[in-house]
Amino acid sequence: MASLVLPSPSSSFSSSSSSSSTSPSSSSLFSRFSLSRRIFLPNEPPSRIRALNLVRCDHGEPFNGKPCVPILNEGTLSKFLASKRLESSAVNRNNNNRLKIFSGLANPALSQEIAWYMGLGLGKINIKRFADGEIYVQLQESVRGCNVYLVQPTCPPANENLMELLVMIDACRRASAKNITAVIPYFGYARADRKTQERESIAAKLVANLITEAGADRVLACDLHSGQSIGYFDIPVDHVHCQHVILDYLASKTVCSNDLVVVSPDVGGVARARAFAKKLSDAPLAIVDKRRHGHNLAEVMNLIGDVKGKVAVMVDDMIDTAGTIAKGAALLHEEGAREVYACSTHAVFSPPAIERLSSGLFQEVIITNTIPVMEKNYFPQLTVLSAANLLGETIWRVHDDCSVSSIFQ
């Protein structure tokens, strides 16, 4: 039987007591995203004040072929989390015992970081697999009348992790939880969101129905493959965009605006790339035109836009086999791009993604930890950013009935 084992907070976080406020060089293209400041909320309980004042993303350098993994340690909040905080909230946050966070087995490290950011501990839960593969879930503390948040991405193995989430939701519902929010950093089956051929299923709608019928009252998801998936749910959905985490990291780069171009790896991702480019001082946009002949098979045709002598930043929501983004990068180099960066929220990394990404086409591959990356899949160009601050802040705002969209303003 497999059971949930959570890492010790001391193994993932620094206990340094120093804090700093950084201001980038005026020549940095990304300077507006790199400012930080201290936040003081006098009405907060002590645990929440510590979490708010002592967290930042500290971006280190790759070491011995392992990816750069930002560590949450003492310092200041990133700017996109520091704007228009909750000073005006009338909710009594001393009643934090009514907020419970539980983690599934899919990504316990991310769950631990979220709980640490929020100044809370993860709820006690027993998750096991019987010999025949059946999933057993038992909550080991009371959730009666509580607002419960279940952190479980439905990443590979998608079917097991999805079923585990459904059983967790059912356990909370039967334990009389007041509200159940499914926090799904990566929403599996999101690509099956419409019919493009005869007699196809729309699995994204099916999964939305399963989560709703299991008893979830709300869903919190990151960078859905398409915004229309929100409409498949008959319950509220908070859709957060991890591109702001990536933009905050890019603040450490100093690139002249005349040297930058944002590239969409396909026509379907133009809206996403355009929004990304707008936040990078309205950088120019290029589009890779490709024709797909089947699932996980892509053929690059031509490039729309000018990339000669420029730094190309390719933006996508996920990297699966990396066929699309690798062929796009090869085309960019053929068209004279000086450097190519790949930015993606979800690192599915199905074979042969690692071989394609580490082949020398990319200066850097920047992802977030919505999906855990196994150590065997590390390569020198890989940078893993933590989405814990963003998700933790969103959970607080949902719990306090405050605006979530203002995080991104």
Foldseek 3Di string as FASTA:
>chain_A
DDKDDADDPPVQEDADPDADFDADDPLALLRVFATWDADDQPLDDPLQNCLQQFFDFDFDADDPFFATETTTGGYTYTPLQVPPDCNPFPDRCVVVVQEAEAEDRFFNHLSQLLQNSRSHGHFDKIWDADPVGDIDIDGPDQNAAHEYEYEFACAPVNVSRLVRLLVVLLNCVVSHHPAYEYEHAHHPLLVLCDDPDPPGDSVLLVSLVSNVVSPHQEYEYELRQDPCSCVSHPHYYHYHYCVSLVSNVSSVDRDHLVQEEEEELEPSCPVVSQVSCVSSVNRHYKYFYWDAPDPPGIGTDAIGDAQANHEYEYEHAEQAQCPSVLNVLVRSVVRHHPAYEYEYAYYSHDPPNLCSVQVPSHQAYEYEVSGPDDRVSRGNRYHYYYCSNLVSSQVVCVVSVHDSVSSRD
